[in-house]
Protein backbone atom coordinates (compact mmCIF):
# COMPACT_ATOMS: atom_id res chain seq x y z
CA UNK A 1 -1.43 22.12 -17.47
CA UNK A 2 -3.14 22.14 -20.80
CA UNK A 3 -0.41 21.49 -23.03
CA UNK A 4 0.85 19.10 -21.09
CA UNK A 5 -1.58 16.67 -21.39
CA UNK A 6 -1.67 17.30 -25.15
CA UNK A 7 2.17 16.73 -24.72
CA UNK A 8 1.35 13.09 -22.96
CA UNK A 9 -1.41 12.48 -25.68
CA UNK A 10 0.66 13.39 -28.62
CA UNK A 11 3.26 10.69 -27.08
CA UNK A 12 3.45 7.19 -27.03
CA UNK A 13 5.90 7.26 -23.66
CA UNK A 14 6.40 9.61 -20.86
CA UNK A 15 10.03 8.15 -20.45
CA UNK A 16 12.44 10.50 -22.61
CA UNK A 17 15.30 11.59 -21.09
CA UNK A 18 17.67 15.04 -21.53
CA UNK A 19 20.92 15.07 -21.26
CA UNK A 20 21.33 14.77 -17.66
CA UNK A 21 19.21 10.86 -18.10
CA UNK A 22 16.05 12.99 -16.12
CA UNK A 23 12.72 12.00 -17.15
CA UNK A 24 9.43 14.22 -17.16
CA UNK A 25 9.12 12.98 -14.02
CA UNK A 26 12.22 12.87 -12.45
CA UNK A 27 12.11 17.06 -13.47
CA UNK A 28 8.80 17.44 -12.32
CA UNK A 29 10.26 16.52 -8.98
CA UNK A 30 13.35 18.50 -9.16
CA UNK A 31 10.94 21.40 -9.27
CA UNK A 32 8.66 19.80 -6.45
CA UNK A 33 5.75 20.56 -9.29
CA UNK A 34 2.83 18.47 -7.13
CA UNK A 35 0.20 18.70 -9.95
CA UNK A 36 2.43 17.85 -12.92
CA UNK A 37 3.85 15.12 -11.29
CA UNK A 38 0.58 13.67 -10.64
CA UNK A 39 -0.26 13.95 -14.37
CA UNK A 40 3.00 11.97 -15.71
CA UNK A 41 2.63 9.43 -12.81
CA UNK A 42 -1.14 8.88 -13.93
CA UNK A 43 -0.12 8.99 -17.73
CA UNK A 44 2.31 5.61 -17.09
CA UNK A 45 5.78 7.56 -15.47
CA UNK A 46 8.17 5.10 -13.71
CA UNK A 47 8.76 6.69 -10.23
CA UNK A 48 11.60 4.13 -10.45
CA UNK A 49 13.79 5.67 -13.40
CA UNK A 50 16.89 7.07 -12.50
CA UNK A 51 19.11 10.09 -13.57
CA UNK A 52 22.79 9.84 -14.49
CA UNK A 53 23.23 11.30 -10.54
CA UNK A 54 21.13 8.16 -9.66
CA UNK A 55 17.73 10.01 -8.21
CA UNK A 56 14.58 8.81 -9.38
CA UNK A 57 11.42 11.02 -8.53
CA UNK A 58 11.08 8.51 -5.04
CA UNK A 59 14.38 9.10 -4.23
CA UNK A 60 14.56 12.52 -4.47
CA UNK A 61 11.43 13.30 -2.99
CA UNK A 62 12.89 11.72 0.24
CA UNK A 63 16.07 12.89 0.32
CA UNK A 64 14.85 16.95 0.06
CA UNK A 65 11.02 16.51 1.95
CA UNK A 66 9.05 16.42 -0.74
CA UNK A 67 5.86 14.17 1.15
CA UNK A 68 3.34 14.70 -1.98
CA UNK A 69 5.42 13.27 -4.26
CA UNK A 70 7.12 10.77 -2.09
CA UNK A 71 3.42 9.35 -1.50
CA UNK A 72 2.57 9.72 -5.03
CA UNK A 73 5.66 7.38 -5.24
CA UNK A 74 4.88 4.89 -2.81
CA UNK A 75 1.17 4.60 -4.44
CA UNK A 76 3.05 4.20 -7.67
CA UNK A 77 4.89 0.92 -6.75
CA UNK A 78 8.60 2.48 -5.17
CA UNK A 79 10.73 -0.01 -5.26
CA UNK A 80 12.90 0.04 -1.96
CA UNK A 81 15.68 -2.31 -3.94
CA UNK A 82 16.53 0.98 -6.13
CA UNK A 83 19.22 3.11 -4.41
CA UNK A 84 20.67 6.13 -4.82
CA UNK A 85 24.40 7.21 -5.82
CA UNK A 86 25.89 6.46 -1.87
CA UNK A 87 23.61 2.79 -2.37
CA UNK A 88 21.31 4.62 0.23
CA UNK A 89 17.51 4.19 0.47
CA UNK A 90 14.68 7.11 0.38
CA UNK A 91 15.11 6.61 4.23
CA UNK A 92 18.79 7.57 4.64
CA UNK A 93 18.94 11.39 3.78
CA UNK A 94 15.69 11.70 4.83
CA UNK A 95 17.04 10.59 8.76
CA UNK A 96 19.72 12.75 7.55
CA UNK A 97 18.43 15.77 6.69
CA UNK A 98 14.91 16.13 9.73
CA UNK A 99 12.54 15.22 7.34
CA UNK A 100 10.48 13.77 10.10
CA UNK A 101 6.68 13.23 8.39
CA UNK A 102 9.20 11.45 5.20
CA UNK A 103 10.49 9.23 7.57
CA UNK A 104 6.74 8.39 9.62
CA UNK A 105 5.47 8.09 6.23
CA UNK A 106 8.43 5.47 4.76
CA UNK A 107 8.48 3.82 8.40
CA UNK A 108 4.46 2.72 7.60
CA UNK A 109 5.77 0.19 5.60
CA UNK A 110 6.82 -2.51 7.84
CA UNK A 111 8.72 -3.94 5.09
CA UNK A 112 11.05 -1.00 4.24
CA UNK A 113 14.56 -1.90 4.51
CA UNK A 114 14.88 0.36 7.79
CA UNK A 115 18.38 -1.26 8.50
CA UNK A 116 19.39 -1.37 5.35
CA UNK A 117 23.91 -0.20 4.69
CA UNK A 118 24.72 2.00 2.07
CA UNK A 119 28.17 2.77 0.24
CA UNK A 120 29.71 4.95 3.53
CA UNK A 121 28.72 2.34 6.33
CA UNK A 122 26.13 3.73 7.54
CA UNK A 123 22.21 2.86 8.08
CA UNK A 124 19.53 5.66 8.83
CA UNK A 125 19.65 5.29 12.89
CA UNK A 126 23.91 6.07 11.85
CA UNK A 127 23.38 9.07 9.58
CA UNK A 128 20.86 10.89 11.84
CA UNK A 129 23.52 10.78 14.48
CA UNK A 130 26.88 11.09 12.66
CA UNK A 131 25.98 14.07 10.03
CA UNK A 132 23.60 15.64 12.22
CA UNK A 133 23.65 18.28 16.22
CA UNK A 134 20.95 16.18 18.23
CA UNK A 135 18.32 18.33 17.49
CA UNK A 136 14.80 17.91 18.89
CA UNK A 137 13.69 16.44 14.80
CA UNK A 138 16.74 14.12 15.27
CA UNK A 139 15.57 12.76 18.51
CA UNK A 140 11.84 12.63 16.98
CA UNK A 141 13.73 10.21 14.02
CA UNK A 142 15.97 8.44 15.88
CA UNK A 143 12.60 7.20 18.59
CA UNK A 144 10.79 6.33 15.43
CA UNK A 145 13.68 4.49 13.76
CA UNK A 146 14.05 2.39 17.19
CA UNK A 147 9.96 2.30 17.36
CA UNK A 148 10.37 1.02 14.03
CA UNK A 149 12.86 -2.14 14.76
CA UNK A 150 15.61 -0.67 14.26
CA UNK A 151 18.85 -2.54 14.94
CA UNK A 152 20.34 -0.16 18.00
CA UNK A 153 23.81 -1.99 17.58
CA UNK A 154 24.68 -2.04 14.09
CA UNK A 155 27.87 -0.67 13.69
CA UNK A 156 29.22 1.02 10.84
CA UNK A 157 32.41 -0.49 8.95
CA UNK A 158 34.57 0.62 11.51
CA UNK A 159 33.22 -0.89 14.07
CA UNK A 160 31.36 2.10 16.44
CA UNK A 161 28.09 1.21 16.82
CA UNK A 162 25.07 4.03 17.14
CA UNK A 163 25.59 4.53 20.90
CA UNK A 164 29.48 5.31 21.33
CA UNK A 165 28.98 7.98 18.31
CA UNK A 166 25.78 9.70 20.20
CA UNK A 167 28.32 9.37 23.45
CA UNK A 168 31.04 11.18 20.94
CA UNK A 169 28.71 14.13 20.25
CA UNK A 170 27.06 14.24 23.65
CA UNK A 171 23.73 13.52 22.62
CA UNK A 172 22.37 12.86 25.83
CA UNK A 173 18.73 12.89 24.75
CA UNK A 174 19.98 9.89 21.70
CA UNK A 175 22.02 8.38 23.98
CA UNK A 176 18.79 7.97 26.47
CA UNK A 177 16.63 6.77 23.45
CA UNK A 178 19.05 4.65 22.50
CA UNK A 179 20.15 3.29 26.09
CA UNK A 180 16.54 2.12 26.84
CA UNK A 181 16.61 0.44 23.57
CA UNK A 182 19.64 -1.93 24.82
CA UNK A 183 22.11 -0.31 22.70
CA UNK A 184 25.46 -0.96 23.92
């Protein structure tokens, strides 16, 4: 850690990039190196900088469930209009992968774009249903999204609603939540 502090002190920028376009902060995030990430953020690292895969520290932390680094990104000014390679927010893959703590943290901010639509035509709610098996974490995530005010009737690019997707997969608990929230 001391050698990293020395490296930072000797440079004017912590935004240098490797051949993959990764900044030191992105590399630290890939390894979930919390202390290093904090040191880099404290030194002015940009939490919104993206590598060639269009991952930023904030987006990747959300997608992989790295809660502490995600919180650092939020505190350091994560921009909700910086999107991943699927034109998605940090919330969408977090919902898909069942990262309940990440979802809860992101939804604390009422300005987070809960109904953002990615390149696939999916919102966080749709992704939580389509790309999963309806387990208890997914039920919890669907409930959190509903409580946060997501549009339960926002269909995908093919016109299929979240309720129809849930019915097609026979996700009884999710069907019940959606119907109680006014889905049709």
